[in-house]
């Protein structure tokens, strides 16, 4: 279901920017590699979980209807279908 304020491309653009500039240095530590980070693209708030639901739920509880961006910490994608995840440089 599309978000009422942002296109999927805009959520991705904003989320990647927030992740690279503010969140990545805080979360990309050995104990979080492979876990999921969910980022509210309006506020920059983030939560970490073992899957998209557990990472996004705390943010949606605080801001229902938030536009969330999800990323697998330390990897180039959240899931790989018919391929493999590639570890990014820290």
PDB file of N, CA and C in Angstrom:
ATOM      1  N   UNK A   1       0.854  -1.175   0.000  1.00  0.00           N
ATOM      2  CA  UNK A   1       0.000   0.000   0.000  1.00  0.00           C
ATOM      3  C   UNK A   1       0.899   1.237   0.000  1.00  0.00           C
ATOM      4  N   UNK A   2       0.677   2.174  -0.913  1.00  0.00           N
ATOM      5  CA  UNK A   2       1.522   3.363  -0.971  1.00  0.00           C
ATOM      6  C   UNK A   2       1.344   4.261   0.255  1.00  0.00           C
ATOM      7  N   UNK A   3       2.396   4.990   0.581  1.00  0.00           N
ATOM      8  CA  UNK A   3       2.335   5.939   1.683  1.00  0.00           C
ATOM      9  C   UNK A   3       1.625   7.192   1.184  1.00  0.00           C
ATOM     10  N   UNK A   4       0.769   7.820   2.012  1.00  0.00           N
ATOM     11  CA  UNK A   4       0.001   8.977   1.535  1.00  0.00           C
ATOM     12  C   UNK A   4       0.835  10.238   1.264  1.00  0.00           C
ATOM     13  N   UNK A   5       2.030  10.361   1.876  1.00  0.00           N
ATOM     14  CA  UNK A   5       2.826  11.590   1.692  1.00  0.00           C
ATOM     15  C   UNK A   5       4.033  11.413   0.793  1.00  0.00           C
ATOM     16  N   UNK A   6       4.571  10.193   0.707  1.00  0.00           N
ATOM     17  CA  UNK A   6       5.818   9.978  -0.023  1.00  0.00           C
ATOM     18  C   UNK A   6       5.714   8.797  -0.970  1.00  0.00           C
ATOM     19  N   UNK A   7       6.393   8.908  -2.093  1.00  0.00           N
ATOM     20  CA  UNK A   7       6.513   7.758  -2.994  1.00  0.00           C
ATOM     21  C   UNK A   7       7.537   6.802  -2.394  1.00  0.00           C
ATOM     22  N   UNK A   8       7.549   5.582  -2.874  1.00  0.00           N
ATOM     23  CA  UNK A   8       8.543   4.623  -2.411  1.00  0.00           C
ATOM     24  C   UNK A   8       9.955   5.116  -2.691  1.00  0.00           C
ATOM     25  N   UNK A   9      10.152   5.748  -3.841  1.00  0.00           N
ATOM     26  CA  UNK A   9      11.470   6.276  -4.196  1.00  0.00           C
ATOM     27  C   UNK A   9      11.902   7.379  -3.235  1.00  0.00           C
ATOM     28  N   UNK A  10      10.966   8.212  -2.819  1.00  0.00           N
ATOM     29  CA  UNK A  10      11.292   9.302  -1.893  1.00  0.00           C
ATOM     30  C   UNK A  10      11.617   8.763  -0.505  1.00  0.00           C
ATOM     31  N   UNK A  11      10.890   7.757  -0.048  1.00  0.00           N
ATOM     32  CA  UNK A  11      11.194   7.124   1.246  1.00  0.00           C
ATOM     33  C   UNK A  11      12.596   6.521   1.192  1.00  0.00           C
ATOM     34  N   UNK A  12      12.916   5.838   0.102  1.00  0.00           N
ATOM     35  CA  UNK A  12      14.239   5.239  -0.056  1.00  0.00           C
ATOM     36  C   UNK A  12      15.326   6.308  -0.068  1.00  0.00           C
ATOM     37  N   UNK A  13      15.135   7.368  -0.820  1.00  0.00           N
ATOM     38  CA  UNK A  13      16.133   8.440  -0.908  1.00  0.00           C
ATOM     39  C   UNK A  13      16.387   9.060   0.458  1.00  0.00           C
ATOM     40  N   UNK A  14      15.299   9.415   1.137  1.00  0.00           N
ATOM     41  CA  UNK A  14      15.428  10.046   2.450  1.00  0.00           C
ATOM     42  C   UNK A  14      16.025   9.081   3.476  1.00  0.00           C
ATOM     43  N   UNK A  15      15.552   7.834   3.466  1.00  0.00           N
ATOM     44  CA  UNK A  15      16.043   6.844   4.417  1.00  0.00           C
ATOM     45  C   UNK A  15      17.521   6.551   4.249  1.00  0.00           C
ATOM     46  N   UNK A  16      17.967   6.370   3.010  1.00  0.00           N
ATOM     47  CA  UNK A  16      19.396   6.118   2.757  1.00  0.00           C
ATOM     48  C   UNK A  16      20.246   7.293   3.210  1.00  0.00           C
ATOM     49  N   UNK A  17      19.769   8.489   2.939  1.00  0.00           N
ATOM     50  CA  UNK A  17      20.513   9.685   3.338  1.00  0.00           C
ATOM     51  C   UNK A  17      20.654   9.755   4.862  1.00  0.00           C
ATOM     52  N   UNK A  18      19.553   9.549   5.576  1.00  0.00           N
ATOM     53  CA  UNK A  18      19.594   9.575   7.052  1.00  0.00           C
ATOM     54  C   UNK A  18      20.506   8.460   7.569  1.00  0.00           C
ATOM     55  N   UNK A  19      20.382   7.276   6.977  1.00  0.00           N
ATOM     56  CA  UNK A  19      21.208   6.153   7.423  1.00  0.00           C
ATOM     57  C   UNK A  19      22.689   6.470   7.252  1.00  0.00           C
ATOM     58  N   UNK A  20      23.075   6.922   6.086  1.00  0.00           N
ATOM     59  CA  UNK A  20      24.493   7.176   5.817  1.00  0.00           C
ATOM     60  C   UNK A  20      25.053   8.332   6.646  1.00  0.00           C
ATOM     61  N   UNK A  21      24.300   9.402   6.797  1.00  0.00           N
ATOM     62  CA  UNK A  21      24.808  10.584   7.485  1.00  0.00           C
ATOM     63  C   UNK A  21      24.756  10.493   9.004  1.00  0.00           C
ATOM     64  N   UNK A  22      23.673   9.893   9.552  1.00  0.00           N
ATOM     65  CA  UNK A  22      23.480   9.965  10.995  1.00  0.00           C
ATOM     66  C   UNK A  22      23.426   8.627  11.715  1.00  0.00           C
ATOM     67  N   UNK A  23      22.804   7.632  11.102  1.00  0.00           N
ATOM     68  CA  UNK A  23      22.526   6.388  11.825  1.00  0.00           C
ATOM     69  C   UNK A  23      23.641   5.350  11.690  1.00  0.00           C
ATOM     70  N   UNK A  24      24.198   5.211  10.508  1.00  0.00           N
ATOM     71  CA  UNK A  24      25.207   4.171  10.267  1.00  0.00           C
ATOM     72  C   UNK A  24      26.358   4.211  11.268  1.00  0.00           C
ATOM     73  N   UNK A  25      26.952   5.379  11.535  1.00  0.00           N
ATOM     74  CA  UNK A  25      28.067   5.387  12.498  1.00  0.00           C
ATOM     75  C   UNK A  25      27.668   4.913  13.897  1.00  0.00           C
ATOM     76  N   UNK A  26      26.397   5.015  14.234  1.00  0.00           N
ATOM     77  CA  UNK A  26      25.925   4.620  15.564  1.00  0.00           C
ATOM     78  C   UNK A  26      25.577   3.139  15.658  1.00  0.00           C
ATOM     79  N   UNK A  27      25.090   2.556  14.558  1.00  0.00           N
ATOM     80  CA  UNK A  27      24.565   1.188  14.635  1.00  0.00           C
ATOM     81  C   UNK A  27      25.441   0.132  14.008  1.00  0.00           C
ATOM     82  N   UNK A  28      26.354   0.511  13.122  1.00  0.00           N
ATOM     83  CA  UNK A  28      27.145  -0.493  12.417  1.00  0.00           C
ATOM     84  C   UNK A  28      28.338  -0.930  13.272  1.00  0.00           C
ATOM     85  N   UNK A  29      28.001  -1.690  14.300  1.00  0.00           N
ATOM     86  CA  UNK A  29      28.972  -2.256  15.232  1.00  0.00           C
ATOM     87  C   UNK A  29      28.812  -3.778  15.182  1.00  0.00           C
ATOM     88  N   UNK A  30      29.837  -4.530  15.568  1.00  0.00           N
ATOM     89  CA  UNK A  30      29.786  -5.992  15.407  1.00  0.00           C
ATOM     90  C   UNK A  30      28.512  -6.662  15.923  1.00  0.00           C
ATOM     91  N   UNK A  31      28.000  -6.248  17.055  1.00  0.00           N
ATOM     92  CA  UNK A  31      26.818  -6.932  17.603  1.00  0.00           C
ATOM     93  C   UNK A  31      25.531  -6.659  16.820  1.00  0.00           C
ATOM     94  N   UNK A  32      25.525  -5.646  15.954  1.00  0.00           N
ATOM     95  CA  UNK A  32      24.326  -5.334  15.161  1.00  0.00           C
ATOM     96  C   UNK A  32      24.397  -5.810  13.714  1.00  0.00           C
ATOM     97  N   UNK A  33      25.554  -6.273  13.237  1.00  0.00           N
ATOM     98  CA  UNK A  33      25.691  -6.682  11.846  1.00  0.00           C
ATOM     99  C   UNK A  33      24.685  -7.795  11.541  1.00  0.00           C
ATOM    100  N   UNK A  34      23.909  -7.582  10.489  1.00  0.00           N
ATOM    101  CA  UNK A  34      22.890  -8.548  10.083  1.00  0.00           C
ATOM    102  C   UNK A  34      21.510  -8.270  10.645  1.00  0.00           C
ATOM    103  N   UNK A  35      21.410  -7.403  11.639  1.00  0.00           N
ATOM    104  CA  UNK A  35      20.097  -7.045  12.196  1.00  0.00           C
ATOM    105  C   UNK A  35      19.461  -5.978  11.300  1.00  0.00           C
ATOM    106  N   UNK A  36      18.225  -5.633  11.568  1.00  0.00           N
ATOM    107  CA  UNK A  36      17.477  -4.662  10.770  1.00  0.00           C
ATOM    108  C   UNK A  36      17.358  -3.355  11.531  1.00  0.00           C
ATOM    109  N   UNK A  37      17.571  -2.244  10.825  1.00  0.00           N
ATOM    110  CA  UNK A  37      17.299  -0.927  11.382  1.00  0.00           C
ATOM    111  C   UNK A  37      16.130  -0.340  10.594  1.00  0.00           C
ATOM    112  N   UNK A  38      15.200   0.243  11.302  1.00  0.00           N
ATOM    113  CA  UNK A  38      14.062   0.926  10.697  1.00  0.00           C
ATOM    114  C   UNK A  38      14.170   2.397  11.065  1.00  0.00           C
ATOM    115  N   UNK A  39      13.991   3.277  10.069  1.00  0.00           N
ATOM    116  CA  UNK A  39      14.174   4.712  10.271  1.00  0.00           C
ATOM    117  C   UNK A  39      12.914   5.461   9.857  1.00  0.00           C
ATOM    118  N   UNK A  40      12.437   6.342  10.730  1.00  0.00           N
ATOM    119  CA  UNK A  40      11.333   7.241  10.411  1.00  0.00           C
ATOM    120  C   UNK A  40      11.933   8.369   9.576  1.00  0.00           C
ATOM    121  N   UNK A  41      11.545   8.471   8.304  1.00  0.00           N
ATOM    122  CA  UNK A  41      12.184   9.444   7.407  1.00  0.00           C
ATOM    123  C   UNK A  41      11.788  10.884   7.700  1.00  0.00           C
ATOM    124  N   UNK A  42      10.789  11.108   8.537  1.00  0.00           N
ATOM    125  CA  UNK A  42      10.415  12.469   8.932  1.00  0.00           C
ATOM    126  C   UNK A  42      11.216  12.938  10.144  1.00  0.00           C
ATOM    127  N   UNK A  43      11.369  12.069  11.135  1.00  0.00           N
ATOM    128  CA  UNK A  43      11.991  12.478  12.393  1.00  0.00           C
ATOM    129  C   UNK A  43      13.446  12.043  12.531  1.00  0.00           C
ATOM    130  N   UNK A  44      13.852  11.024  11.774  1.00  0.00           N
ATOM    131  CA  UNK A  44      15.191  10.472  11.926  1.00  0.00           C
ATOM    132  C   UNK A  44      15.294   9.478  13.067  1.00  0.00           C
ATOM    133  N   UNK A  45      14.201   9.259  13.793  1.00  0.00           N
ATOM    134  CA  UNK A  45      14.201   8.257  14.868  1.00  0.00           C
ATOM    135  C   UNK A  45      14.427   6.881  14.241  1.00  0.00           C
ATOM    136  N   UNK A  46      15.089   5.997  14.987  1.00  0.00           N
ATOM    137  CA  UNK A  46      15.339   4.660  14.464  1.00  0.00           C
ATOM    138  C   UNK A  46      15.211   3.629  15.571  1.00  0.00           C
ATOM    139  N   UNK A  47      14.998   2.381  15.142  1.00  0.00           N
ATOM    140  CA  UNK A  47      14.939   1.253  16.064  1.00  0.00           C
ATOM    141  C   UNK A  47      15.578   0.059  15.375  1.00  0.00           C
ATOM    142  N   UNK A  48      16.152  -0.826  16.164  1.00  0.00           N
ATOM    143  CA  UNK A  48      16.823  -2.021  15.646  1.00  0.00           C
ATOM    144  C   UNK A  48      16.057  -3.247  16.113  1.00  0.00           C
ATOM    145  N   UNK A  49      15.923  -4.218  15.219  1.00  0.00           N
ATOM    146  CA  UNK A  49      15.271  -5.473  15.558  1.00  0.00           C
ATOM    147  C   UNK A  49      15.828  -6.605  14.729  1.00  0.00           C
ATOM    148  N   UNK A  50      15.292  -7.792  14.937  1.00  0.00           N
ATOM    149  CA  UNK A  50      15.754  -8.955  14.194  1.00  0.00           C
ATOM    150  C   UNK A  50      15.029  -9.128  12.865  1.00  0.00           C
ATOM    151  N   UNK A  51      13.941  -8.386  12.665  1.00  0.00           N
ATOM    152  CA  UNK A  51      13.199  -8.417  11.404  1.00  0.00           C
ATOM    153  C   UNK A  51      12.513  -7.066  11.219  1.00  0.00           C
ATOM    154  N   UNK A  52      11.873  -6.882  10.061  1.00  0.00           N
ATOM    155  CA  UNK A  52      11.239  -5.589   9.765  1.00  0.00           C
ATOM    156  C   UNK A  52      10.126  -5.240  10.749  1.00  0.00           C
ATOM    157  N   UNK A  53       9.387  -6.234  11.203  1.00  0.00           N
ATOM    158  CA  UNK A  53       8.282  -5.973  12.139  1.00  0.00           C
ATOM    159  C   UNK A  53       8.807  -5.503  13.492  1.00  0.00           C
ATOM    160  N   UNK A  54       9.770  -6.230  14.052  1.00  0.00           N
ATOM    161  CA  UNK A  54      10.269  -5.852  15.379  1.00  0.00           C
ATOM    162  C   UNK A  54      11.045  -4.538  15.337  1.00  0.00           C
ATOM    163  N   UNK A  55      11.629  -4.196  14.201  1.00  0.00           N
ATOM    164  CA  UNK A  55      12.330  -2.912  14.088  1.00  0.00           C
ATOM    165  C   UNK A  55      11.362  -1.754  13.861  1.00  0.00           C
ATOM    166  N   UNK A  56      10.300  -1.986  13.124  1.00  0.00           N
ATOM    167  CA  UNK A  56       9.362  -0.906  12.802  1.00  0.00           C
ATOM    168  C   UNK A  56       8.281  -0.658  13.839  1.00  0.00           C
ATOM    169  N   UNK A  57       7.901  -1.678  14.580  1.00  0.00           N
ATOM    170  CA  UNK A  57       6.791  -1.549  15.538  1.00  0.00           C
ATOM    171  C   UNK A  57       6.970  -0.439  16.564  1.00  0.00           C
ATOM    172  N   UNK A  58       8.147  -0.293  17.190  1.00  0.00           N
ATOM    173  CA  UNK A  58       8.287   0.794  18.176  1.00  0.00           C
ATOM    174  C   UNK A  58       8.114   2.179  17.554  1.00  0.00           C
ATOM    175  N   UNK A  59       8.555   2.338  16.317  1.00  0.00           N
ATOM    176  CA  UNK A  59       8.412   3.636  15.650  1.00  0.00           C
ATOM    177  C   UNK A  59       6.952   3.919  15.316  1.00  0.00           C
ATOM    178  N   UNK A  60       6.255   2.892  14.846  1.00  0.00           N
ATOM    179  CA  UNK A  60       4.837   3.077  14.509  1.00  0.00           C
ATOM    180  C   UNK A  60       3.985   3.268  15.757  1.00  0.00           C
ATOM    181  N   UNK A  61       4.396   2.708  16.883  1.00  0.00           N
ATOM    182  CA  UNK A  61       3.669   2.922  18.134  1.00  0.00           C
ATOM    183  C   UNK A  61       3.760   4.383  18.557  1.00  0.00           C
ATOM    184  N   UNK A  62       4.904   4.997  18.298  1.00  0.00           N
ATOM    185  CA  UNK A  62       5.106   6.400  18.648  1.00  0.00           C
ATOM    186  C   UNK A  62       4.496   7.345  17.626  1.00  0.00           C
ATOM    187  N   UNK A  63       4.639   6.996  16.341  1.00  0.00           N
ATOM    188  CA  UNK A  63       4.131   7.834  15.248  1.00  0.00           C
ATOM    189  C   UNK A  63       3.349   6.970  14.257  1.00  0.00           C
ATOM    190  N   UNK A  64       2.071   6.686  14.541  1.00  0.00           N
ATOM    191  CA  UNK A  64       1.281   5.876  13.613  1.00  0.00           C
ATOM    192  C   UNK A  64       1.272   6.518  12.218  1.00  0.00           C
ATOM    193  N   UNK A  65       1.435   5.700  11.211  1.00  0.00           N
ATOM    194  CA  UNK A  65       1.433   6.212   9.845  1.00  0.00           C
ATOM    195  C   UNK A  65       2.770   6.762   9.388  1.00  0.00           C
ATOM    196  N   UNK A  66       3.821   6.575  10.191  1.00  0.00           N
ATOM    197  CA  UNK A  66       5.151   7.074   9.829  1.00  0.00           C
ATOM    198  C   UNK A  66       5.624   6.416   8.537  1.00  0.00           C
ATOM    199  N   UNK A  67       6.427   7.149   7.776  1.00  0.00           N
ATOM    200  CA  UNK A  67       7.074   6.607   6.584  1.00  0.00           C
ATOM    201  C   UNK A  67       8.393   5.990   7.041  1.00  0.00           C
ATOM    202  N   UNK A  68       8.497   4.663   6.944  1.00  0.00           N
ATOM    203  CA  UNK A  68       9.664   3.961   7.459  1.00  0.00           C
ATOM    204  C   UNK A  68      10.536   3.410   6.344  1.00  0.00           C
ATOM    205  N   UNK A  69      11.832   3.520   6.547  1.00  0.00           N
ATOM    206  CA  UNK A  69      12.842   2.932   5.665  1.00  0.00           C
ATOM    207  C   UNK A  69      13.537   1.839   6.452  1.00  0.00           C
ATOM    208  N   UNK A  70      13.725   0.674   5.845  1.00  0.00           N
ATOM    209  CA  UNK A  70      14.390  -0.423   6.522  1.00  0.00           C
ATOM    210  C   UNK A  70      15.664  -0.823   5.809  1.00  0.00           C
ATOM    211  N   UNK A  71      16.679  -1.193   6.576  1.00  0.00           N
ATOM    212  CA  UNK A  71      17.952  -1.641   6.014  1.00  0.00           C
ATOM    213  C   UNK A  71      18.523  -2.742   6.898  1.00  0.00           C
ATOM    214  N   UNK A  72      19.259  -3.662   6.266  1.00  0.00           N
ATOM    215  CA  UNK A  72      19.985  -4.675   7.023  1.00  0.00           C
ATOM    216  C   UNK A  72      21.351  -4.077   7.333  1.00  0.00           C
ATOM    217  N   UNK A  73      21.670  -3.984   8.597  1.00  0.00           N
ATOM    218  CA  UNK A  73      22.909  -3.343   9.034  1.00  0.00           C
ATOM    219  C   UNK A  73      24.110  -4.125   8.513  1.00  0.00           C
ATOM    220  N   UNK A  74      24.970  -3.402   7.776  1.00  0.00           N
ATOM    221  CA  UNK A  74      26.188  -4.006   7.264  1.00  0.00           C
ATOM    222  C   UNK A  74      26.045  -4.722   5.936  1.00  0.00           C
ATOM    223  N   UNK A  75      24.852  -4.676   5.323  1.00  0.00           N
ATOM    224  CA  UNK A  75      24.623  -5.363   4.057  1.00  0.00           C
ATOM    225  C   UNK A  75      23.971  -4.425   3.050  1.00  0.00           C
ATOM    226  N   UNK A  76      24.006  -4.833   1.782  1.00  0.00           N
ATOM    227  CA  UNK A  76      23.488  -4.000   0.709  1.00  0.00           C
ATOM    228  C   UNK A  76      21.980  -4.127   0.492  1.00  0.00           C
ATOM    229  N   UNK A  77      21.316  -5.061   1.154  1.00  0.00           N
ATOM    230  CA  UNK A  77      19.878  -5.256   0.989  1.00  0.00           C
ATOM    231  C   UNK A  77      19.308  -5.903   2.245  1.00  0.00           C
ATOM    232  N   UNK A  78      17.999  -5.771   2.422  1.00  0.00           N
ATOM    233  CA  UNK A  78      17.346  -6.407   3.565  1.00  0.00           C
ATOM    234  C   UNK A  78      17.205  -7.902   3.311  1.00  0.00           C
ATOM    235  N   UNK A  79      16.726  -8.273   2.122  1.00  0.00           N
ATOM    236  CA  UNK A  79      16.537  -9.666   1.739  1.00  0.00           C
ATOM    237  C   UNK A  79      17.105  -9.885   0.351  1.00  0.00           C
ATOM    238  N   UNK A  80      17.487 -11.104   0.039  1.00  0.00           N
ATOM    239  CA  UNK A  80      17.943 -11.467  -1.298  1.00  0.00           C
ATOM    240  C   UNK A  80      17.068 -12.603  -1.805  1.00  0.00           C
ATOM    241  N   UNK A  81      16.493 -12.424  -2.985  1.00  0.00           N
ATOM    242  CA  UNK A  81      15.670 -13.448  -3.596  1.00  0.00           C
ATOM    243  C   UNK A  81      16.445 -13.956  -4.821  1.00  0.00           C
ATOM    244  N   UNK A  82      16.864 -15.202  -4.780  1.00  0.00           N
ATOM    245  CA  UNK A  82      17.600 -15.769  -5.889  1.00  0.00           C
ATOM    246  C   UNK A  82      19.008 -15.217  -6.040  1.00  0.00           C
ATOM    247  N   UNK A  83      19.525 -14.574  -5.013  1.00  0.00           N
ATOM    248  CA  UNK A  83      20.880 -14.030  -5.056  1.00  0.00           C
ATOM    249  C   UNK A  83      21.493 -14.131  -3.684  1.00  0.00           C
ATOM    250  N   UNK A  84      22.414 -13.255  -3.435  1.00  0.00           N
ATOM    251  CA  UNK A  84      23.036 -13.255  -2.119  1.00  0.00           C
ATOM    252  C   UNK A  84      23.226 -11.828  -1.621  1.00  0.00           C
ATOM    253  N   UNK A  85      23.210 -11.686  -0.320  1.00  0.00           N
ATOM    254  CA  UNK A  85      23.466 -10.390   0.293  1.00  0.00           C
ATOM    255  C   UNK A  85      24.964 -10.117   0.238  1.00  0.00           C
ATOM    256  N   UNK A  86      25.315  -8.871   0.016  1.00  0.00           N
ATOM    257  CA  UNK A  86      26.714  -8.497  -0.049  1.00  0.00           C
ATOM    258  C   UNK A  86      27.039  -7.630   1.159  1.00  0.00           C
ATOM    259  N   UNK A  87      28.094  -8.013   1.875  1.00  0.00           N
ATOM    260  CA  UNK A  87      28.534  -7.267   3.054  1.00  0.00           C
ATOM    261  C   UNK A  87      29.145  -5.947   2.602  1.00  0.00           C
ATOM    262  N   UNK A  88      28.725  -4.835   3.197  1.00  0.00           N
ATOM    263  CA  UNK A  88      29.282  -3.538   2.863  1.00  0.00           C
ATOM    264  C   UNK A  88      30.481  -3.249   3.741  1.00  0.00           C
ATOM    265  N   UNK A  89      31.299  -2.319   3.313  1.00  0.00           N
ATOM    266  CA  UNK A  89      32.465  -1.904   4.091  1.00  0.00           C
ATOM    267  C   UNK A  89      32.016  -1.077   5.279  1.00  0.00           C
ATOM    268  N   UNK A  90      32.609  -1.281   6.418  1.00  0.00           N
ATOM    269  CA  UNK A  90      32.278  -0.512   7.615  1.00  0.00           C
ATOM    270  C   UNK A  90      33.003   0.811   7.634  1.00  0.00           C
TER     271      UNK A  90
END
